[in-house]
Amino acid sequence: ENGKYIPRQSFAMRKHYFNHAETGFFKTVK
């Protein structure tokens, strides 16, 4: 909802933490 208020690099880092195909939180945590 509020990712548009932070720089693109900061948004990409947070999205990488959640959605990365190999190390993302939503992919690895079961």
Full PDB file with SEQRES, HELIX, SHEET, SSBOND, CRYST1, ORIGX, SCALE, CONECT and MASTER records, all heavy atoms in Angstrom:
SEQRES   1 A   30  GLU ASN GLY LYS TYR ILE PRO ARG GLN SER PHE ALA MET          
SEQRES   2 A   30  ARG LYS HIS TYR PHE ASN HIS ALA GLU THR GLY PHE PHE          
SEQRES   3 A   30  LYS THR VAL LYS                                              
HELIX    1 AA1 GLY A    3  TYR A    5  5                                   3    
HELIX    2 AA2 ARG A    8  ASN A   19  1                                  12    
HELIX    3 AA3 PHE A   25  THR A   28  1                                   4    
CRYST1    1.000    1.000    1.000  90.00  90.00  90.00 P 1           1          
ORIGX1      1.000000  0.000000  0.000000        0.00000                         
ORIGX2      0.000000  1.000000  0.000000        0.00000                         
ORIGX3      0.000000  0.000000  1.000000        0.00000                         
SCALE1      1.000000  0.000000  0.000000        0.00000                         
SCALE2      0.000000  1.000000  0.000000        0.00000                         
SCALE3      0.000000  0.000000  1.000000        0.00000                         
ATOM      1  N   GLU A   1       0.806  -1.217   0.000  1.00  0.00           N  
ATOM      2  CA  GLU A   1       0.000   0.000   0.000  1.00  0.00           C  
ATOM      3  C   GLU A   1       0.840   1.268   0.000  1.00  0.00           C  
ATOM      4  O   GLU A   1       0.461   2.256  -0.640  1.00  0.00           O  
ATOM      5  CB  GLU A   1      -0.925  -0.011   1.226  1.00  0.00           C  
ATOM      6  CG  GLU A   1      -1.949  -1.139   1.213  1.00  0.00           C  
ATOM      7  CD  GLU A   1      -2.783  -1.168   2.468  1.00  0.00           C  
ATOM      8  OE1 GLU A   1      -2.459  -0.396   3.399  1.00  0.00           O  
ATOM      9  OE2 GLU A   1      -3.737  -1.972   2.545  1.00  0.00           O  
ATOM     10  N   ASN A   2       1.980   1.259   0.697  1.00  0.00           N  
ATOM     11  CA  ASN A   2       2.781   2.471   0.861  1.00  0.00           C  
ATOM     12  C   ASN A   2       4.166   2.362   0.249  1.00  0.00           C  
ATOM     13  O   ASN A   2       5.052   3.161   0.576  1.00  0.00           O  
ATOM     14  CB  ASN A   2       2.910   2.816   2.351  1.00  0.00           C  
ATOM     15  CG  ASN A   2       1.573   3.021   3.012  1.00  0.00           C  
ATOM     16  OD1 ASN A   2       0.658   3.602   2.422  1.00  0.00           O  
ATOM     17  ND2 ASN A   2       1.414   2.531   4.231  1.00  0.00           N  
ATOM     18  N   GLY A   3       4.386   1.354  -0.601  1.00  0.00           N  
ATOM     19  CA  GLY A   3       5.698   1.220  -1.219  1.00  0.00           C  
ATOM     20  C   GLY A   3       6.052   2.345  -2.167  1.00  0.00           C  
ATOM     21  O   GLY A   3       7.226   2.541  -2.485  1.00  0.00           O  
ATOM     22  N   LYS A   4       5.079   3.111  -2.620  1.00  0.00           N  
ATOM     23  CA  LYS A   4       5.353   4.213  -3.539  1.00  0.00           C  
ATOM     24  C   LYS A   4       6.034   5.389  -2.859  1.00  0.00           C  
ATOM     25  O   LYS A   4       6.511   6.304  -3.535  1.00  0.00           O  
ATOM     26  CB  LYS A   4       4.047   4.683  -4.183  1.00  0.00           C  
ATOM     27  CG  LYS A   4       3.007   5.147  -3.180  1.00  0.00           C  
ATOM     28  CD  LYS A   4       1.709   5.519  -3.865  1.00  0.00           C  
ATOM     29  CE  LYS A   4       0.646   5.958  -2.836  1.00  0.00           C  
ATOM     30  NZ  LYS A   4      -0.629   6.318  -3.493  1.00  0.00           N  
ATOM     31  N   TYR A   5       6.101   5.394  -1.538  1.00  0.00           N  
ATOM     32  CA  TYR A   5       6.725   6.497  -0.817  1.00  0.00           C  
ATOM     33  C   TYR A   5       8.174   6.217  -0.439  1.00  0.00           C  
ATOM     34  O   TYR A   5       8.794   7.015   0.265  1.00  0.00           O  
ATOM     35  CB  TYR A   5       5.935   6.816   0.452  1.00  0.00           C  
ATOM     36  CG  TYR A   5       4.520   7.269   0.167  1.00  0.00           C  
ATOM     37  CD1 TYR A   5       3.440   6.474   0.510  1.00  0.00           C  
ATOM     38  CD2 TYR A   5       4.264   8.486  -0.463  1.00  0.00           C  
ATOM     39  CE1 TYR A   5       2.139   6.865   0.245  1.00  0.00           C  
ATOM     40  CE2 TYR A   5       2.971   8.886  -0.732  1.00  0.00           C  
ATOM     41  CZ  TYR A   5       1.912   8.079  -0.370  1.00  0.00           C  
ATOM     42  OH  TYR A   5       0.626   8.484  -0.638  1.00  0.00           O  
ATOM     43  N   ILE A   6       8.739   5.090  -0.836  1.00  0.00           N  
ATOM     44  CA  ILE A   6      10.139   4.783  -0.593  1.00  0.00           C  
ATOM     45  C   ILE A   6      10.831   4.609  -1.940  1.00  0.00           C  
ATOM     46  O   ILE A   6      10.186   4.342  -2.959  1.00  0.00           O  
ATOM     47  CB  ILE A   6      10.294   3.508   0.264  1.00  0.00           C  
ATOM     48  CG1 ILE A   6       9.656   2.299  -0.429  1.00  0.00           C  
ATOM     49  CG2 ILE A   6       9.686   3.722   1.643  1.00  0.00           C  
ATOM     50  CD1 ILE A   6       9.845   0.994   0.333  1.00  0.00           C  
ATOM     51  N   PRO A   7      12.152   4.779  -1.996  1.00  0.00           N  
ATOM     52  CA  PRO A   7      12.857   4.629  -3.282  1.00  0.00           C  
ATOM     53  C   PRO A   7      12.706   3.229  -3.864  1.00  0.00           C  
ATOM     54  O   PRO A   7      12.354   2.267  -3.186  1.00  0.00           O  
ATOM     55  CB  PRO A   7      14.319   4.935  -2.916  1.00  0.00           C  
ATOM     56  CG  PRO A   7      14.245   5.732  -1.665  1.00  0.00           C  
ATOM     57  CD  PRO A   7      13.036   5.239  -0.924  1.00  0.00           C  
ATOM     58  N   ARG A   8      13.015   3.134  -5.156  1.00  0.00           N  
ATOM     59  CA  ARG A   8      12.842   1.869  -5.854  1.00  0.00           C  
ATOM     60  C   ARG A   8      13.750   0.779  -5.286  1.00  0.00           C  
ATOM     61  O   ARG A   8      13.351  -0.389  -5.180  1.00  0.00           O  
ATOM     62  CB  ARG A   8      13.123   2.069  -7.343  1.00  0.00           C  
ATOM     63  CG  ARG A   8      12.870   0.838  -8.204  1.00  0.00           C  
ATOM     64  CD  ARG A   8      13.181   1.133  -9.655  1.00  0.00           C  
ATOM     65  NE  ARG A   8      12.339   2.190 -10.153  1.00  0.00           N  
ATOM     66  CZ  ARG A   8      11.108   2.021 -10.642  1.00  0.00           C  
ATOM     67  NH1 ARG A   8      10.587   0.796 -10.688  1.00  0.00           N  
ATOM     68  NH2 ARG A   8      10.419   3.045 -11.095  1.00  0.00           N  
ATOM     69  N   GLN A   9      14.973   1.136  -4.911  1.00  0.00           N  
ATOM     70  CA  GLN A   9      15.888   0.152  -4.371  1.00  0.00           C  
ATOM     71  C   GLN A   9      15.378  -0.399  -3.031  1.00  0.00           C  
ATOM     72  O   GLN A   9      15.460  -1.605  -2.778  1.00  0.00           O  
ATOM     73  CB  GLN A   9      17.280   0.764  -4.195  1.00  0.00           C  
ATOM     74  CG  GLN A   9      18.320  -0.218  -3.695  1.00  0.00           C  
ATOM     75  CD  GLN A   9      19.689   0.422  -3.512  1.00  0.00           C  
ATOM     76  OE1 GLN A   9      19.855   1.623  -3.758  1.00  0.00           O  
ATOM     77  NE2 GLN A   9      20.670  -0.370  -3.103  1.00  0.00           N  
ATOM     78  N   SER A  10      14.852   0.475  -2.181  1.00  0.00           N  
ATOM     79  CA  SER A  10      14.310   0.024  -0.905  1.00  0.00           C  
ATOM     80  C   SER A  10      13.107  -0.883  -1.108  1.00  0.00           C  
ATOM     81  O   SER A  10      12.947  -1.909  -0.421  1.00  0.00           O  
ATOM     82  CB  SER A  10      13.937   1.232  -0.048  1.00  0.00           C  
ATOM     83  OG  SER A  10      15.052   2.058   0.182  1.00  0.00           O  
ATOM     84  N   PHE A  11      12.261  -0.528  -2.060  1.00  0.00           N  
ATOM     85  CA  PHE A  11      11.105  -1.375  -2.363  1.00  0.00           C  
ATOM     86  C   PHE A  11      11.547  -2.731  -2.895  1.00  0.00           C  
ATOM     87  O   PHE A  11      10.995  -3.782  -2.514  1.00  0.00           O  
ATOM     88  CB  PHE A  11      10.206  -0.670  -3.369  1.00  0.00           C  
ATOM     89  CG  PHE A  11       9.006  -1.472  -3.784  1.00  0.00           C  
ATOM     90  CD1 PHE A  11       7.858  -1.498  -3.009  1.00  0.00           C  
ATOM     91  CD2 PHE A  11       9.027  -2.219  -4.955  1.00  0.00           C  
ATOM     92  CE1 PHE A  11       6.758  -2.254  -3.383  1.00  0.00           C  
ATOM     93  CE2 PHE A  11       7.923  -2.967  -5.343  1.00  0.00           C  
ATOM     94  CZ  PHE A  11       6.802  -2.987  -4.550  1.00  0.00           C  
ATOM     95  N   ALA A  12      12.558  -2.738  -3.769  1.00  0.00           N  
ATOM     96  CA  ALA A  12      13.024  -3.998  -4.338  1.00  0.00           C  
ATOM     97  C   ALA A  12      13.660  -4.883  -3.269  1.00  0.00           C  
ATOM     98  O   ALA A  12      13.503  -6.116  -3.297  1.00  0.00           O  
ATOM     99  CB  ALA A  12      14.023  -3.714  -5.455  1.00  0.00           C  
ATOM    100  N   MET A  13      14.375  -4.294  -2.308  1.00  0.00           N  
ATOM    101  CA  MET A  13      14.983  -5.081  -1.239  1.00  0.00           C  
ATOM    102  C   MET A  13      13.913  -5.749  -0.383  1.00  0.00           C  
ATOM    103  O   MET A  13      14.025  -6.939  -0.047  1.00  0.00           O  
ATOM    104  CB  MET A  13      15.872  -4.184  -0.372  1.00  0.00           C  
ATOM    105  CG  MET A  13      17.129  -3.690  -1.059  1.00  0.00           C  
ATOM    106  SD  MET A  13      18.024  -2.480  -0.061  1.00  0.00           S  
ATOM    107  CE  MET A  13      18.326  -3.414   1.423  1.00  0.00           C  
ATOM    108  N   ARG A  14      12.880  -5.019  -0.042  1.00  0.00           N  
ATOM    109  CA  ARG A  14      11.813  -5.584   0.785  1.00  0.00           C  
ATOM    110  C   ARG A  14      11.028  -6.649   0.024  1.00  0.00           C  
ATOM    111  O   ARG A  14      10.645  -7.688   0.582  1.00  0.00           O  
ATOM    112  CB  ARG A  14      10.896  -4.472   1.272  1.00  0.00           C  
ATOM    113  CG  ARG A  14      11.555  -3.569   2.318  1.00  0.00           C  
ATOM    114  CD  ARG A  14      10.769  -2.282   2.520  1.00  0.00           C  
ATOM    115  NE  ARG A  14      11.278  -1.503   3.631  1.00  0.00           N  
ATOM    116  CZ  ARG A  14      12.343  -0.724   3.575  1.00  0.00           C  
ATOM    117  NH1 ARG A  14      13.036  -0.627   2.423  1.00  0.00           N  
ATOM    118  NH2 ARG A  14      12.742  -0.040   4.630  1.00  0.00           N  
ATOM    119  N   LYS A  15      10.784  -6.379  -1.248  1.00  0.00           N  
ATOM    120  CA  LYS A  15      10.065  -7.367  -2.054  1.00  0.00           C  
ATOM    121  C   LYS A  15      10.900  -8.620  -2.251  1.00  0.00           C  
ATOM    122  O   LYS A  15      10.372  -9.742  -2.272  1.00  0.00           O  
ATOM    123  CB  LYS A  15       9.692  -6.744  -3.399  1.00  0.00           C  
ATOM    124  CG  LYS A  15       8.810  -7.636  -4.259  1.00  0.00           C  
ATOM    125  CD  LYS A  15       8.358  -6.926  -5.516  1.00  0.00           C  
ATOM    126  CE  LYS A  15       7.462  -7.833  -6.353  1.00  0.00           C  
ATOM    127  NZ  LYS A  15       7.003  -7.142  -7.595  1.00  0.00           N  
ATOM    128  N   HIS A  16      12.221  -8.449  -2.372  1.00  0.00           N  
ATOM    129  CA  HIS A  16      13.102  -9.603  -2.499  1.00  0.00           C  
ATOM    130  C   HIS A  16      13.069 -10.451  -1.227  1.00  0.00           C  
ATOM    131  O   HIS A  16      13.125 -11.690  -1.279  1.00  0.00           O  
ATOM    132  CB  HIS A  16      14.525  -9.121  -2.792  1.00  0.00           C  
ATOM    133  CG  HIS A  16      15.526 -10.235  -2.932  1.00  0.00           C  
ATOM    134  ND1 HIS A  16      16.217 -10.766  -1.852  1.00  0.00           N  
ATOM    135  CD2 HIS A  16      15.938 -10.939  -4.030  1.00  0.00           C  
ATOM    136  CE1 HIS A  16      17.008 -11.722  -2.263  1.00  0.00           C  
ATOM    137  NE2 HIS A  16      16.871 -11.849  -3.581  1.00  0.00           N  
ATOM    138  N   TYR A  17      12.983  -9.803  -0.078  1.00  0.00           N  
ATOM    139  CA  TYR A  17      12.937 -10.543   1.186  1.00  0.00           C  
ATOM    140  C   TYR A  17      11.669 -11.398   1.286  1.00  0.00           C  
ATOM    141  O   TYR A  17      11.703 -12.522   1.780  1.00  0.00           O  
ATOM    142  CB  TYR A  17      13.005  -9.562   2.352  1.00  0.00           C  
ATOM    143  CG  TYR A  17      12.729 -10.190   3.697  1.00  0.00           C  
ATOM    144  CD1 TYR A  17      13.692 -10.958   4.334  1.00  0.00           C  
ATOM    145  CD2 TYR A  17      11.494 -10.029   4.316  1.00  0.00           C  
ATOM    146  CE1 TYR A  17      13.438 -11.557   5.567  1.00  0.00           C  
ATOM    147  CE2 TYR A  17      11.227 -10.620   5.552  1.00  0.00           C  
ATOM    148  CZ  TYR A  17      12.203 -11.377   6.168  1.00  0.00           C  
ATOM    149  OH  TYR A  17      11.938 -11.968   7.384  1.00  0.00           O  
ATOM    150  N   PHE A  18      10.565 -10.868   0.777  1.00  0.00           N  
ATOM    151  CA  PHE A  18       9.295 -11.594   0.889  1.00  0.00           C  
ATOM    152  C   PHE A  18       9.090 -12.591  -0.251  1.00  0.00           C  
ATOM    153  O   PHE A  18       8.618 -13.707  -0.016  1.00  0.00           O  
ATOM    154  CB  PHE A  18       8.127 -10.609   0.915  1.00  0.00           C  
ATOM    155  CG  PHE A  18       8.009  -9.818   2.183  1.00  0.00           C  
ATOM    156  CD1 PHE A  18       8.105  -8.439   2.176  1.00  0.00           C  
ATOM    157  CD2 PHE A  18       7.813 -10.448   3.400  1.00  0.00           C  
ATOM    158  CE1 PHE A  18       7.988  -7.710   3.340  1.00  0.00           C  
ATOM    159  CE2 PHE A  18       7.704  -9.728   4.573  1.00  0.00           C  
ATOM    160  CZ  PHE A  18       7.802  -8.361   4.543  1.00  0.00           C  
ATOM    161  N   ASN A  19       9.426 -12.200  -1.490  1.00  0.00           N  
ATOM    162  CA  ASN A  19       8.940 -12.935  -2.657  1.00  0.00           C  
ATOM    163  C   ASN A  19      10.023 -13.582  -3.496  1.00  0.00           C  
ATOM    164  O   ASN A  19       9.725 -14.036  -4.610  1.00  0.00           O  
ATOM    165  CB  ASN A  19       8.123 -12.001  -3.564  1.00  0.00           C  
ATOM    166  CG  ASN A  19       6.709 -11.811  -3.072  1.00  0.00           C  
ATOM    167  OD1 ASN A  19       6.459 -11.849  -1.882  1.00  0.00           O  
ATOM    168  ND2 ASN A  19       5.785 -11.610  -3.988  1.00  0.00           N  
ATOM    169  N   HIS A  20      11.261 -13.633  -3.048  1.00  0.00           N  
ATOM    170  CA  HIS A  20      12.277 -14.283  -3.874  1.00  0.00           C  
ATOM    171  C   HIS A  20      11.943 -15.764  -4.043  1.00  0.00           C  
ATOM    172  O   HIS A  20      11.468 -16.437  -3.121  1.00  0.00           O  
ATOM    173  CB  HIS A  20      13.657 -14.114  -3.234  1.00  0.00           C  
ATOM    174  CG  HIS A  20      14.770 -14.529  -4.136  1.00  0.00           C  
ATOM    175  ND1 HIS A  20      15.369 -15.776  -4.077  1.00  0.00           N  
ATOM    176  CD2 HIS A  20      15.409 -13.864  -5.138  1.00  0.00           C  
ATOM    177  CE1 HIS A  20      16.316 -15.864  -4.982  1.00  0.00           C  
ATOM    178  NE2 HIS A  20      16.368 -14.716  -5.642  1.00  0.00           N  
ATOM    179  N   ALA A  21      12.204 -16.268  -5.251  1.00  0.00           N  
ATOM    180  CA  ALA A  21      11.793 -17.643  -5.569  1.00  0.00           C  
ATOM    181  C   ALA A  21      12.525 -18.687  -4.743  1.00  0.00           C  
ATOM    182  O   ALA A  21      11.982 -19.781  -4.502  1.00  0.00           O  
ATOM    183  CB  ALA A  21      12.020 -17.908  -7.064  1.00  0.00           C  
ATOM    184  N   GLU A  22      13.755 -18.406  -4.282  1.00  0.00           N  
ATOM    185  CA  GLU A  22      14.530 -19.390  -3.543  1.00  0.00           C  
ATOM    186  C   GLU A  22      14.669 -19.070  -2.063  1.00  0.00           C  
ATOM    187  O   GLU A  22      14.629 -19.972  -1.226  1.00  0.00           O  
ATOM    188  CB  GLU A  22      15.921 -19.528  -4.176  1.00  0.00           C  
ATOM    189  CG  GLU A  22      15.888 -20.038  -5.618  1.00  0.00           C  
ATOM    190  CD  GLU A  22      17.276 -20.149  -6.206  1.00  0.00           C  
ATOM    191  OE1 GLU A  22      18.249 -19.761  -5.504  1.00  0.00           O  
ATOM    192  OE2 GLU A  22      17.405 -20.605  -7.364  1.00  0.00           O  
ATOM    193  N   THR A  23      14.857 -17.784  -1.748  1.00  0.00           N  
ATOM    194  CA  THR A  23      15.096 -17.399  -0.344  1.00  0.00           C  
ATOM    195  C   THR A  23      13.994 -16.519   0.228  1.00  0.00           C  
ATOM    196  O   THR A  23      14.144 -16.029   1.355  1.00  0.00           O  
ATOM    197  CB  THR A  23      16.442 -16.656  -0.236  1.00  0.00           C  
ATOM    198  OG1 THR A  23      16.390 -15.461  -1.040  1.00  0.00           O  
ATOM    199  CG2 THR A  23      17.594 -17.536  -0.707  1.00  0.00           C  
ATOM    200  N   GLY A  24      12.935 -16.285  -0.500  1.00  0.00           N  
ATOM    201  CA  GLY A  24      11.863 -15.425  -0.005  1.00  0.00           C  
ATOM    202  C   GLY A  24      11.135 -16.036   1.188  1.00  0.00           C  
ATOM    203  O   GLY A  24      11.024 -17.266   1.313  1.00  0.00           O  
ATOM    204  N   PHE A  25      10.657 -15.169   2.042  1.00  0.00           N  
ATOM    205  CA  PHE A  25       9.978 -15.639   3.255  1.00  0.00           C  
ATOM    206  C   PHE A  25       8.732 -16.435   2.912  1.00  0.00           C  
ATOM    207  O   PHE A  25       8.482 -17.502   3.487  1.00  0.00           O  
ATOM    208  CB  PHE A  25       9.630 -14.439   4.142  1.00  0.00           C  
ATOM    209  CG  PHE A  25       8.962 -14.805   5.432  1.00  0.00           C  
ATOM    210  CD1 PHE A  25       9.711 -15.099   6.562  1.00  0.00           C  
ATOM    211  CD2 PHE A  25       7.577 -14.864   5.536  1.00  0.00           C  
ATOM    212  CE1 PHE A  25       9.103 -15.450   7.758  1.00  0.00           C  
ATOM    213  CE2 PHE A  25       6.961 -15.217   6.725  1.00  0.00           C  
ATOM    214  CZ  PHE A  25       7.731 -15.507   7.837  1.00  0.00           C  
ATOM    215  N   PHE A  26       7.927 -15.935   1.996  1.00  0.00           N  
ATOM    216  CA  PHE A  26       6.673 -16.603   1.654  1.00  0.00           C  
ATOM    217  C   PHE A  26       6.892 -17.901   0.895  1.00  0.00           C  
ATOM    218  O   PHE A  26       5.952 -18.704   0.773  1.00  0.00           O  
ATOM    219  CB  PHE A  26       5.786 -15.675   0.839  1.00  0.00           C  
ATOM    220  CG  PHE A  26       5.302 -14.471   1.593  1.00  0.00           C  
ATOM    221  CD1 PHE A  26       5.154 -13.241   0.971  1.00  0.00           C  
ATOM    222  CD2 PHE A  26       5.005 -14.562   2.937  1.00  0.00           C  
ATOM    223  CE1 PHE A  26       4.699 -12.139   1.682  1.00  0.00           C  
ATOM    224  CE2 PHE A  26       4.561 -13.466   3.650  1.00  0.00           C  
ATOM    225  CZ  PHE A  26       4.408 -12.251   3.020  1.00  0.00           C  
ATOM    226  N   LYS A  27       8.107 -18.116   0.362  1.00  0.00           N  
ATOM    227  CA  LYS A  27       8.401 -19.342  -0.369  1.00  0.00           C  
ATOM    228  C   LYS A  27       9.072 -20.404   0.497  1.00  0.00           C  
ATOM    229  O   LYS A  27       8.889 -21.601   0.276  1.00  0.00           O  
ATOM    230  CB  LYS A  27       9.307 -19.014  -1.568  1.00  0.00           C  
ATOM    231  CG  LYS A  27       8.588 -18.372  -2.740  1.00  0.00           C  
ATOM    232  CD  LYS A  27       7.621 -19.349  -3.388  1.00  0.00           C  
ATOM    233  CE  LYS A  27       7.018 -18.790  -4.647  1.00  0.00           C  
ATOM    234  NZ  LYS A  27       6.092 -19.760  -5.306  1.00  0.00           N  
ATOM    235  N   THR A  28       9.850 -19.978   1.456  1.00  0.00           N  
ATOM    236  CA  THR A  28      10.620 -20.934   2.244  1.00  0.00           C  
ATOM    237  C   THR A  28       9.944 -21.356   3.540  1.00  0.00           C  
ATOM    238  O   THR A  28      10.138 -22.472   4.013  1.00  0.00           O  
ATOM    239  CB  THR A  28      11.998 -20.335   2.575  1.00  0.00           C  
ATOM    240  OG1 THR A  28      11.817 -19.096   3.290  1.00  0.00           O  
ATOM    241  CG2 THR A  28      12.785 -20.063   1.295  1.00  0.00           C  
ATOM    242  N   VAL A  29       9.161 -20.475   4.120  1.00  0.00           N  
ATOM    243  CA  VAL A  29       8.550 -20.769   5.421  1.00  0.00           C  
ATOM    244  C   VAL A  29       7.275 -21.572   5.214  1.00  0.00           C  
ATOM    245  O   VAL A  29       6.358 -21.151   4.509  1.00  0.00           O  
ATOM    246  CB  VAL A  29       8.258 -19.472   6.194  1.00  0.00           C  
ATOM    247  CG1 VAL A  29       7.547 -19.788   7.505  1.00  0.00           C  
ATOM    248  CG2 VAL A  29       9.546 -18.722   6.454  1.00  0.00           C  
ATOM    249  N   LYS A  30       7.222 -22.729   5.825  1.00  0.00           N  
ATOM    250  CA  LYS A  30       6.050 -23.603   5.785  1.00  0.00           C  
ATOM    251  C   LYS A  30       5.668 -23.931   7.226  1.00  0.00           C  
ATOM    252  O   LYS A  30       6.461 -24.501   7.980  1.00  0.00           O  
ATOM    253  CB  LYS A  30       6.336 -24.888   5.013  1.00  0.00           C  
ATOM    254  CG  LYS A  30       6.790 -24.670   3.580  1.00  0.00           C  
ATOM    255  CD  LYS A  30       5.720 -24.004   2.744  1.00  0.00           C  
ATOM    256  CE  LYS A  30       6.193 -23.834   1.302  1.00  0.00           C  
ATOM    257  NZ  LYS A  30       5.179 -23.142   0.468  1.00  0.00           N  
TER     258      LYS A  30                                                      
MASTER        0    0    0    3    0    0    0    6  257    1    0    3          
END                                                                             
